[in-house]
Every structure is written in structure tokens, then in C-alpha cells.
């Protein structure tokens, strides 16, 4: 497969160098070039003609981190994240999350968010839009299934008018 259809904005020499970089997932510029490629490609078959599925699984965390630096939100990144999760689910090298009980804080916070959202008469989609995230993420947060940052907690509290949160389990 020719990568020129995905790197139309570079000259012939840069295209050759990019092809070499994409052949080596250990190259320091690999995540940068993959972000460009993946933001323009929606065909897993073409990706996996460049690198193996195992190489993609191994490289995805660095690619994702680079993509987040470039753009906080990206539908393409979310789409490729889903591909990664599907592939990694059955892959022996995939980082397995321990089958533990969801931390009590996440469950309590999720219940608090859901209650405040309903009191304000907002749907999950409306809340997600006001906070700047996607509705499925709001759903996972309300269920206590998503690890969240302090910044995310603050965004929810600001939008929903929550003044105090008890984070110590009773």
C-alpha cells in the first residue's frame, strides 16, 4: 500500500523518510507519523498492511498519548481506541485490568452526578455537551466504571452546582 494518499502534504523525500519511520514502531517519530496516518485513514486493513496487529497493540498507548497532545478530542482517535480495545481484549500482551470491585468513590460520585443531573432536568447527552465530553463517558462515570481526574470532577461540579463531595467511605 502506498502511504502517499495519507501523506499528501509532504514532498517525495519526506514521504520516503515517513515510510521508513512507519516500518519501525520503535522510532521516536513513529507515534507522530501514526497520528497523522490514523487521523486520515478509516480502514484497518490498510493500517495492518503497514504494521502487524501486535505492533499496533504495543504502540497504541504512545500513539494515543501523542494524539491527546495534538488534540484533546478526536472522533478518529476514539474510533481507533475502539479498534485497539477489540484487538487487545483477546491479546496476551494486552494490559489486563484486575477484576476488582469498582472503587467506592467512583460509585458514590457516579450516583451523586446522576442524581444532580436528573434534578437539573438534563439528559446524559446534554450534560456531556456542557462538560465537553461524550455521552458514553458520562454513562460510565454515572455507573462508577470510569476512572476520572480531579479536573473532570471539577467540571461536573461546576456544571451541576455541586458544592461538596464526601470522598471518604463511610
N, C-alpha and C. Protein backbone atom coordinates (compact mmCIF):
# COMPACT_ATOMS: atom_id res chain seq x y z
N UNK A 1 0.84 -1.18 0.00
CA UNK A 1 0.00 0.00 0.00
C UNK A 1 0.89 1.24 0.00
N UNK A 2 0.52 2.21 -0.79
CA UNK A 2 1.25 3.46 -0.85
C UNK A 2 0.72 4.41 0.22
N UNK A 3 1.63 4.96 1.01
CA UNK A 3 1.20 5.89 2.06
C UNK A 3 0.98 7.30 1.53
N UNK A 4 1.30 7.52 0.26
CA UNK A 4 1.20 8.88 -0.29
C UNK A 4 -0.23 9.42 -0.24
N UNK A 5 -1.24 8.54 -0.28
CA UNK A 5 -2.61 9.05 -0.22
C UNK A 5 -2.97 9.56 1.17
N UNK A 6 -2.18 9.20 2.19
CA UNK A 6 -2.41 9.69 3.54
C UNK A 6 -1.45 10.82 3.92
N UNK A 7 -0.36 10.94 3.19
CA UNK A 7 0.63 12.00 3.45
C UNK A 7 0.80 12.83 2.19
N UNK A 8 -0.32 13.39 1.74
CA UNK A 8 -0.34 14.16 0.50
C UNK A 8 0.34 15.51 0.64
N UNK A 9 0.58 15.93 1.87
CA UNK A 9 1.08 17.29 2.10
C UNK A 9 2.59 17.36 2.31
N UNK A 10 3.32 16.29 1.96
CA UNK A 10 4.77 16.31 2.12
C UNK A 10 5.44 15.97 0.79
N UNK A 11 6.71 16.40 0.65
CA UNK A 11 7.44 16.15 -0.60
C UNK A 11 7.93 14.71 -0.67
N UNK A 12 8.51 14.35 -1.81
CA UNK A 12 8.92 12.97 -2.07
C UNK A 12 9.96 12.46 -1.07
N UNK A 13 10.94 13.29 -0.72
CA UNK A 13 11.96 12.87 0.26
C UNK A 13 11.35 12.64 1.63
N UNK A 14 10.48 13.54 2.04
CA UNK A 14 9.81 13.38 3.34
C UNK A 14 8.90 12.16 3.33
N UNK A 15 8.31 11.86 2.20
CA UNK A 15 7.46 10.68 2.08
C UNK A 15 8.28 9.40 2.26
N UNK A 16 9.48 9.35 1.67
CA UNK A 16 10.36 8.19 1.84
C UNK A 16 10.78 8.04 3.30
N UNK A 17 11.11 9.15 3.93
CA UNK A 17 11.52 9.11 5.34
C UNK A 17 10.35 8.66 6.23
N UNK A 18 9.16 9.14 5.92
CA UNK A 18 7.97 8.74 6.67
C UNK A 18 7.71 7.24 6.52
N UNK A 19 7.90 6.71 5.32
CA UNK A 19 7.71 5.27 5.09
C UNK A 19 8.68 4.47 5.95
N UNK A 20 9.93 4.93 6.06
CA UNK A 20 10.93 4.25 6.90
C UNK A 20 10.51 4.30 8.37
N UNK A 21 10.02 5.44 8.80
CA UNK A 21 9.60 5.61 10.20
C UNK A 21 8.44 4.67 10.51
N UNK A 22 7.49 4.57 9.58
CA UNK A 22 6.32 3.71 9.81
C UNK A 22 6.67 2.22 9.81
N UNK A 23 7.82 1.87 9.29
CA UNK A 23 8.27 0.48 9.33
C UNK A 23 8.87 0.10 10.69
N UNK A 24 9.15 1.11 11.52
CA UNK A 24 9.85 0.87 12.78
C UNK A 24 9.07 1.47 13.96
N UNK A 25 8.23 0.68 14.61
CA UNK A 25 7.45 1.20 15.74
C UNK A 25 8.30 1.72 16.91
N UNK A 26 9.58 1.40 16.93
CA UNK A 26 10.46 1.89 18.00
C UNK A 26 11.05 3.27 17.68
N UNK A 27 10.88 3.73 16.45
CA UNK A 27 11.41 5.03 16.05
C UNK A 27 10.72 6.12 16.87
N UNK A 28 11.48 7.10 17.36
CA UNK A 28 10.87 8.17 18.19
C UNK A 28 9.76 8.95 17.49
N UNK A 29 9.80 9.04 16.17
CA UNK A 29 8.78 9.78 15.43
C UNK A 29 7.59 8.91 15.02
N UNK A 30 7.64 7.62 15.33
CA UNK A 30 6.57 6.70 14.94
C UNK A 30 5.20 7.16 15.44
N UNK A 31 5.05 7.49 16.74
CA UNK A 31 3.72 7.93 17.20
C UNK A 31 3.21 9.18 16.47
N UNK A 32 4.11 10.11 16.17
CA UNK A 32 3.72 11.34 15.48
C UNK A 32 3.19 11.02 14.08
N UNK A 33 3.92 10.18 13.36
CA UNK A 33 3.50 9.82 12.00
C UNK A 33 2.23 8.97 12.02
N UNK A 34 2.09 8.11 13.02
CA UNK A 34 0.89 7.29 13.10
C UNK A 34 -0.35 8.13 13.40
N UNK A 35 -0.20 9.17 14.21
CA UNK A 35 -1.34 10.05 14.47
C UNK A 35 -1.83 10.68 13.17
N UNK A 36 -0.89 11.14 12.35
CA UNK A 36 -1.27 11.72 11.06
C UNK A 36 -1.96 10.67 10.20
N UNK A 37 -1.34 9.49 10.11
CA UNK A 37 -1.91 8.41 9.30
C UNK A 37 -3.31 8.03 9.78
N UNK A 38 -3.43 7.76 11.08
CA UNK A 38 -4.71 7.29 11.62
C UNK A 38 -5.80 8.36 11.58
N UNK A 39 -5.41 9.63 11.61
CA UNK A 39 -6.42 10.69 11.54
C UNK A 39 -6.96 10.85 10.12
N UNK A 40 -6.29 10.19 9.17
CA UNK A 40 -6.73 10.28 7.77
C UNK A 40 -7.20 8.94 7.21
N UNK A 41 -7.04 7.89 7.97
CA UNK A 41 -7.36 6.54 7.50
C UNK A 41 -8.50 5.96 8.33
N UNK A 42 -9.46 5.34 7.66
CA UNK A 42 -10.54 4.67 8.39
C UNK A 42 -10.66 3.21 7.96
N UNK A 43 -9.54 2.67 7.49
CA UNK A 43 -9.53 1.29 7.00
C UNK A 43 -8.50 0.46 7.77
N UNK A 44 -8.94 -0.30 8.75
CA UNK A 44 -7.98 -1.13 9.50
C UNK A 44 -7.13 -2.02 8.59
N UNK A 45 -7.71 -2.49 7.49
CA UNK A 45 -6.96 -3.35 6.58
C UNK A 45 -5.71 -2.63 6.06
N UNK A 46 -5.83 -1.35 5.78
CA UNK A 46 -4.68 -0.58 5.28
C UNK A 46 -3.66 -0.36 6.39
N UNK A 47 -4.13 -0.10 7.61
CA UNK A 47 -3.21 0.04 8.73
C UNK A 47 -2.42 -1.25 8.92
N UNK A 48 -3.13 -2.38 8.90
CA UNK A 48 -2.46 -3.65 9.19
C UNK A 48 -1.68 -4.18 7.99
N UNK A 49 -1.71 -3.46 6.88
CA UNK A 49 -0.77 -3.78 5.80
C UNK A 49 0.55 -3.06 6.06
N UNK A 50 0.52 -2.04 6.94
CA UNK A 50 1.75 -1.31 7.32
C UNK A 50 2.42 -1.95 8.54
N UNK A 51 1.63 -2.25 9.56
CA UNK A 51 2.16 -2.85 10.78
C UNK A 51 1.26 -4.01 11.20
N UNK A 52 1.82 -4.88 12.01
CA UNK A 52 1.03 -6.02 12.48
C UNK A 52 0.06 -5.57 13.56
N UNK A 53 -0.93 -6.39 13.82
CA UNK A 53 -1.87 -6.09 14.89
C UNK A 53 -1.16 -6.05 16.23
N UNK A 54 -0.22 -6.96 16.43
CA UNK A 54 0.54 -6.97 17.70
C UNK A 54 1.35 -5.69 17.86
N UNK A 55 1.95 -5.21 16.78
CA UNK A 55 2.72 -3.96 16.84
C UNK A 55 1.80 -2.78 17.14
N UNK A 56 0.60 -2.79 16.56
CA UNK A 56 -0.38 -1.73 16.84
C UNK A 56 -0.78 -1.75 18.32
N UNK A 57 -1.04 -2.94 18.84
CA UNK A 57 -1.43 -3.06 20.26
C UNK A 57 -0.31 -2.53 21.15
N UNK A 58 0.92 -2.89 20.85
CA UNK A 58 2.06 -2.44 21.66
C UNK A 58 2.27 -0.93 21.55
N UNK A 59 2.07 -0.39 20.34
CA UNK A 59 2.36 1.02 20.10
C UNK A 59 1.21 1.95 20.47
N UNK A 60 -0.01 1.43 20.57
CA UNK A 60 -1.17 2.30 20.77
C UNK A 60 -1.06 3.25 21.96
N UNK A 61 -0.60 2.82 23.13
CA UNK A 61 -0.53 3.78 24.25
C UNK A 61 0.30 5.03 23.92
N UNK A 62 1.42 4.86 23.21
CA UNK A 62 2.24 6.01 22.84
C UNK A 62 1.57 6.84 21.74
N UNK A 63 0.93 6.15 20.80
CA UNK A 63 0.21 6.86 19.74
C UNK A 63 -0.93 7.68 20.35
N UNK A 64 -1.66 7.07 21.26
CA UNK A 64 -2.79 7.75 21.91
C UNK A 64 -2.31 8.97 22.69
N UNK A 65 -1.22 8.80 23.44
CA UNK A 65 -0.67 9.92 24.22
C UNK A 65 -0.27 11.07 23.29
N UNK A 66 0.36 10.74 22.17
CA UNK A 66 0.74 11.77 21.19
C UNK A 66 -0.49 12.45 20.62
N UNK A 67 -1.52 11.69 20.34
CA UNK A 67 -2.76 12.22 19.76
C UNK A 67 -3.43 13.17 20.75
N UNK A 68 -3.44 12.81 22.02
CA UNK A 68 -4.05 13.67 23.04
C UNK A 68 -3.30 14.99 23.13
N UNK A 69 -1.97 14.95 22.99
CA UNK A 69 -1.19 16.20 22.99
C UNK A 69 -1.61 17.08 21.82
N UNK A 70 -1.89 16.45 20.69
CA UNK A 70 -2.23 17.18 19.47
C UNK A 70 -3.66 17.71 19.50
N UNK A 71 -4.58 16.90 20.00
CA UNK A 71 -6.00 17.30 20.03
C UNK A 71 -6.68 16.60 21.19
N UNK A 72 -7.24 17.35 22.10
CA UNK A 72 -7.89 16.77 23.28
C UNK A 72 -9.04 15.84 22.89
N UNK A 73 -9.80 16.23 21.89
CA UNK A 73 -10.92 15.40 21.45
C UNK A 73 -10.76 15.08 19.98
N UNK A 74 -11.05 13.82 19.65
CA UNK A 74 -10.95 13.39 18.26
C UNK A 74 -11.83 12.17 18.06
N UNK A 75 -12.77 12.28 17.16
CA UNK A 75 -13.62 11.13 16.85
C UNK A 75 -12.80 10.00 16.24
N UNK A 76 -11.81 10.35 15.42
CA UNK A 76 -10.96 9.32 14.84
C UNK A 76 -10.18 8.58 15.91
N UNK A 77 -9.64 9.33 16.88
CA UNK A 77 -8.89 8.67 17.96
C UNK A 77 -9.82 7.74 18.74
N UNK A 78 -11.02 8.18 19.03
CA UNK A 78 -11.98 7.34 19.75
C UNK A 78 -12.28 6.07 18.94
N UNK A 79 -12.39 6.23 17.62
CA UNK A 79 -12.68 5.08 16.77
C UNK A 79 -11.52 4.09 16.81
N UNK A 80 -10.28 4.58 16.67
CA UNK A 80 -9.11 3.69 16.71
C UNK A 80 -8.93 3.10 18.11
N UNK A 81 -9.31 3.84 19.14
CA UNK A 81 -9.26 3.32 20.51
C UNK A 81 -10.17 2.09 20.62
N UNK A 82 -11.33 2.17 19.99
CA UNK A 82 -12.25 1.03 19.99
C UNK A 82 -11.63 -0.17 19.27
N UNK A 83 -10.97 0.08 18.15
CA UNK A 83 -10.28 -0.99 17.42
C UNK A 83 -9.23 -1.62 18.33
N UNK A 84 -8.46 -0.77 18.99
CA UNK A 84 -7.42 -1.25 19.91
C UNK A 84 -8.04 -2.13 21.01
N UNK A 85 -9.12 -1.64 21.63
CA UNK A 85 -9.75 -2.39 22.72
C UNK A 85 -10.27 -3.74 22.23
N UNK A 86 -10.82 -3.77 21.03
CA UNK A 86 -11.30 -5.04 20.48
C UNK A 86 -10.14 -6.01 20.25
N UNK A 87 -9.05 -5.49 19.71
CA UNK A 87 -7.88 -6.34 19.45
C UNK A 87 -7.21 -6.77 20.75
N UNK A 88 -7.06 -5.83 21.66
CA UNK A 88 -6.34 -6.10 22.90
C UNK A 88 -7.12 -7.02 23.82
N UNK A 89 -8.43 -7.05 23.67
CA UNK A 89 -9.26 -7.89 24.52
C UNK A 89 -8.84 -9.34 24.50
N UNK A 90 -8.40 -9.83 23.36
CA UNK A 90 -8.00 -11.23 23.26
C UNK A 90 -6.50 -11.41 23.10
N UNK A 91 -5.74 -10.36 23.30
CA UNK A 91 -4.30 -10.42 23.08
C UNK A 91 -3.57 -10.64 24.39
N UNK A 92 -2.63 -11.58 24.40
CA UNK A 92 -1.94 -11.93 25.64
C UNK A 92 -1.10 -10.79 26.18
N UNK A 93 -0.66 -9.87 25.32
CA UNK A 93 0.17 -8.77 25.80
C UNK A 93 -0.65 -7.58 26.28
N UNK A 94 -1.94 -7.65 26.07
CA UNK A 94 -2.80 -6.53 26.48
C UNK A 94 -2.78 -6.39 27.99
N UNK A 95 -2.77 -5.16 28.43
CA UNK A 95 -2.76 -4.90 29.87
C UNK A 95 -4.14 -5.23 30.41
N UNK A 96 -4.20 -6.19 31.27
CA UNK A 96 -5.47 -6.61 31.84
C UNK A 96 -5.77 -5.78 33.09
N UNK A 97 -6.98 -5.33 33.18
CA UNK A 97 -7.41 -4.64 34.39
C UNK A 97 -7.80 -5.70 35.41
N UNK A 98 -7.42 -5.52 36.65
CA UNK A 98 -7.79 -6.52 37.65
C UNK A 98 -9.30 -6.57 37.82
N UNK A 99 -9.79 -7.76 38.03
CA UNK A 99 -11.23 -7.94 38.24
C UNK A 99 -11.57 -7.59 39.68
N UNK A 100 -11.43 -6.33 40.01
CA UNK A 100 -11.68 -5.90 41.38
C UNK A 100 -12.99 -5.13 41.44
N UNK A 101 -13.40 -4.87 42.63
CA UNK A 101 -14.61 -4.08 42.84
C UNK A 101 -14.31 -2.63 42.49
N UNK A 102 -15.23 -1.99 41.81
CA UNK A 102 -15.05 -0.59 41.46
C UNK A 102 -14.84 0.20 42.75
N UNK A 103 -13.82 1.07 42.77
CA UNK A 103 -13.60 1.87 43.97
C UNK A 103 -14.87 2.58 44.40
N UNK A 104 -15.10 2.58 45.68
CA UNK A 104 -16.35 3.13 46.23
C UNK A 104 -16.53 4.61 45.86
N UNK A 105 -15.42 5.36 45.78
CA UNK A 105 -15.54 6.77 45.44
C UNK A 105 -16.19 6.94 44.06
N UNK A 106 -15.76 6.13 43.09
CA UNK A 106 -16.32 6.26 41.74
C UNK A 106 -17.81 5.96 41.73
N UNK A 107 -18.21 4.93 42.47
CA UNK A 107 -19.64 4.59 42.53
C UNK A 107 -20.43 5.70 43.22
N UNK A 108 -19.89 6.21 44.33
CA UNK A 108 -20.59 7.29 45.06
C UNK A 108 -20.66 8.55 44.21
N UNK A 109 -19.56 8.89 43.57
CA UNK A 109 -19.54 10.09 42.74
C UNK A 109 -20.50 9.93 41.57
N UNK A 110 -20.52 8.76 40.95
CA UNK A 110 -21.43 8.50 39.84
C UNK A 110 -22.88 8.67 40.25
N UNK A 111 -23.22 8.14 41.43
CA UNK A 111 -24.60 8.28 41.92
C UNK A 111 -24.93 9.75 42.19
N UNK A 112 -23.97 10.48 42.74
CA UNK A 112 -24.16 11.91 43.02
C UNK A 112 -24.39 12.68 41.72
N UNK A 113 -23.59 12.38 40.71
CA UNK A 113 -23.72 13.05 39.41
C UNK A 113 -25.08 12.75 38.78
N UNK A 114 -25.45 11.49 38.80
CA UNK A 114 -26.73 11.11 38.20
C UNK A 114 -27.89 11.82 38.89
N UNK A 115 -27.86 11.82 40.20
CA UNK A 115 -28.92 12.48 40.98
C UNK A 115 -28.98 13.98 40.65
N UNK A 116 -27.83 14.64 40.61
CA UNK A 116 -27.79 16.08 40.33
C UNK A 116 -28.23 16.36 38.89
N UNK A 117 -27.83 15.50 37.97
CA UNK A 117 -28.22 15.67 36.56
C UNK A 117 -29.73 15.58 36.41
N UNK A 118 -30.33 14.59 37.05
CA UNK A 118 -31.78 14.40 36.96
C UNK A 118 -32.50 15.57 37.61
N UNK A 119 -32.00 16.04 38.76
CA UNK A 119 -32.59 17.20 39.43
C UNK A 119 -32.58 18.43 38.52
N UNK A 120 -31.52 18.58 37.74
CA UNK A 120 -31.42 19.73 36.82
C UNK A 120 -32.20 19.50 35.53
N UNK A 121 -32.75 18.30 35.35
CA UNK A 121 -33.54 18.01 34.16
C UNK A 121 -32.70 17.84 32.90
N UNK A 122 -31.47 17.38 33.06
CA UNK A 122 -30.58 17.21 31.91
C UNK A 122 -30.49 15.74 31.50
N UNK A 123 -30.37 15.51 30.22
CA UNK A 123 -30.07 14.16 29.74
C UNK A 123 -28.55 13.96 29.84
N UNK A 124 -28.11 12.73 29.72
CA UNK A 124 -26.67 12.47 29.73
C UNK A 124 -26.01 13.20 28.56
N UNK A 125 -26.67 13.22 27.43
CA UNK A 125 -26.10 13.87 26.25
C UNK A 125 -25.96 15.38 26.47
N UNK A 126 -26.98 15.99 27.07
CA UNK A 126 -26.91 17.43 27.35
C UNK A 126 -25.79 17.74 28.33
N UNK A 127 -25.66 16.92 29.37
CA UNK A 127 -24.59 17.12 30.35
C UNK A 127 -23.23 16.94 29.68
N UNK A 128 -23.11 15.91 28.88
CA UNK A 128 -21.84 15.66 28.18
C UNK A 128 -21.46 16.86 27.32
N UNK A 129 -22.42 17.42 26.62
CA UNK A 129 -22.15 18.58 25.76
C UNK A 129 -21.67 19.77 26.59
N UNK A 130 -22.30 20.02 27.71
CA UNK A 130 -21.91 21.16 28.57
C UNK A 130 -20.53 20.98 29.17
N UNK A 131 -20.15 19.74 29.44
CA UNK A 131 -18.86 19.46 30.06
C UNK A 131 -17.76 19.32 29.03
N UNK A 132 -18.15 18.96 27.80
CA UNK A 132 -17.15 18.79 26.75
C UNK A 132 -16.64 17.36 26.66
N UNK A 133 -17.54 16.41 26.84
CA UNK A 133 -17.15 15.01 26.69
C UNK A 133 -18.25 14.28 25.95
N UNK A 134 -18.10 12.99 25.79
CA UNK A 134 -19.08 12.20 25.06
C UNK A 134 -20.06 11.53 26.02
N UNK A 135 -21.29 11.32 25.54
CA UNK A 135 -22.34 10.74 26.37
C UNK A 135 -21.96 9.38 26.95
N UNK A 136 -21.32 8.47 26.18
CA UNK A 136 -20.96 7.18 26.78
C UNK A 136 -20.02 7.32 27.98
N UNK A 137 -19.16 8.36 27.96
CA UNK A 137 -18.28 8.59 29.10
C UNK A 137 -19.08 9.02 30.32
N UNK A 138 -20.08 9.88 30.11
CA UNK A 138 -20.94 10.29 31.23
C UNK A 138 -21.65 9.06 31.80
N UNK A 139 -22.12 8.20 30.93
CA UNK A 139 -22.80 6.98 31.38
C UNK A 139 -21.87 6.12 32.24
N UNK A 140 -20.62 5.92 31.77
CA UNK A 140 -19.67 5.11 32.54
C UNK A 140 -19.32 5.77 33.87
N UNK A 141 -19.25 7.09 33.88
CA UNK A 141 -18.96 7.81 35.13
C UNK A 141 -20.12 7.63 36.11
N UNK A 142 -21.34 7.79 35.62
CA UNK A 142 -22.51 7.62 36.49
C UNK A 142 -22.59 6.20 37.05
N UNK A 143 -22.13 5.24 36.28
CA UNK A 143 -22.13 3.84 36.75
C UNK A 143 -20.94 3.53 37.64
N UNK A 144 -20.00 4.48 37.76
CA UNK A 144 -18.82 4.26 38.58
C UNK A 144 -17.79 3.36 37.91
N UNK A 145 -17.87 3.26 36.58
CA UNK A 145 -16.98 2.36 35.85
C UNK A 145 -15.83 3.07 35.15
N UNK A 146 -15.72 4.39 35.32
CA UNK A 146 -14.66 5.12 34.63
C UNK A 146 -13.82 5.89 35.64
N UNK A 147 -12.52 5.68 35.54
CA UNK A 147 -11.59 6.42 36.37
C UNK A 147 -11.56 7.86 35.84
N UNK A 148 -11.64 8.82 36.73
CA UNK A 148 -11.71 10.20 36.30
C UNK A 148 -10.68 11.04 37.03
N UNK A 149 -10.32 12.15 36.42
CA UNK A 149 -9.34 13.06 37.02
C UNK A 149 -10.05 14.07 37.92
N UNK A 150 -9.27 14.73 38.72
CA UNK A 150 -9.81 15.79 39.57
C UNK A 150 -10.41 16.91 38.71
N UNK A 151 -9.77 17.17 37.58
CA UNK A 151 -10.28 18.19 36.66
C UNK A 151 -11.69 17.83 36.18
N UNK A 152 -11.90 16.56 35.86
CA UNK A 152 -13.22 16.11 35.42
C UNK A 152 -14.24 16.24 36.54
N UNK A 153 -13.84 15.90 37.74
CA UNK A 153 -14.73 16.06 38.91
C UNK A 153 -15.15 17.53 39.02
N UNK A 154 -14.18 18.43 38.89
CA UNK A 154 -14.47 19.87 39.00
C UNK A 154 -15.43 20.33 37.90
N UNK A 155 -15.24 19.82 36.69
CA UNK A 155 -16.14 20.22 35.58
C UNK A 155 -17.57 19.78 35.88
N UNK A 156 -17.75 18.55 36.36
CA UNK A 156 -19.09 18.09 36.71
C UNK A 156 -19.68 18.96 37.81
N UNK A 157 -18.91 19.21 38.84
CA UNK A 157 -19.41 20.00 39.97
C UNK A 157 -19.81 21.41 39.54
N UNK A 158 -19.01 22.02 38.68
CA UNK A 158 -19.33 23.38 38.22
C UNK A 158 -20.63 23.40 37.42
N UNK A 159 -20.79 22.47 36.51
CA UNK A 159 -21.98 22.45 35.66
C UNK A 159 -23.23 22.09 36.46
N UNK A 160 -23.08 21.17 37.42
CA UNK A 160 -24.25 20.68 38.17
C UNK A 160 -24.49 21.43 39.48
N UNK A 161 -23.60 22.38 39.81
CA UNK A 161 -23.78 23.16 41.04
C UNK A 161 -23.52 22.37 42.31
N UNK A 162 -22.64 21.39 42.25
CA UNK A 162 -22.30 20.59 43.43
C UNK A 162 -21.21 21.33 44.19
N UNK A 163 -21.47 21.59 45.47
CA UNK A 163 -20.54 22.38 46.29
C UNK A 163 -19.61 21.52 47.14
N UNK A 164 -20.08 20.36 47.60
CA UNK A 164 -19.28 19.49 48.47
C UNK A 164 -19.44 18.05 48.06
N UNK A 165 -18.33 17.31 48.20
CA UNK A 165 -18.35 15.87 47.93
C UNK A 165 -17.63 15.18 49.08
N UNK A 166 -18.26 14.17 49.64
CA UNK A 166 -17.61 13.38 50.68
C UNK A 166 -16.90 12.21 49.98
N UNK A 167 -15.57 12.21 50.02
CA UNK A 167 -14.84 11.17 49.31
C UNK A 167 -14.34 10.05 50.23
N UNK A 168 -14.52 10.22 51.50
CA UNK A 168 -14.08 9.18 52.44
C UNK A 168 -15.23 8.19 52.63
N UNK A 169 -14.96 6.90 52.35
CA UNK A 169 -16.03 5.90 52.51
C UNK A 169 -16.52 5.85 53.95
N UNK A 170 -17.81 5.68 54.11
CA UNK A 170 -18.40 5.63 55.45
C UNK A 170 -18.49 4.22 55.93
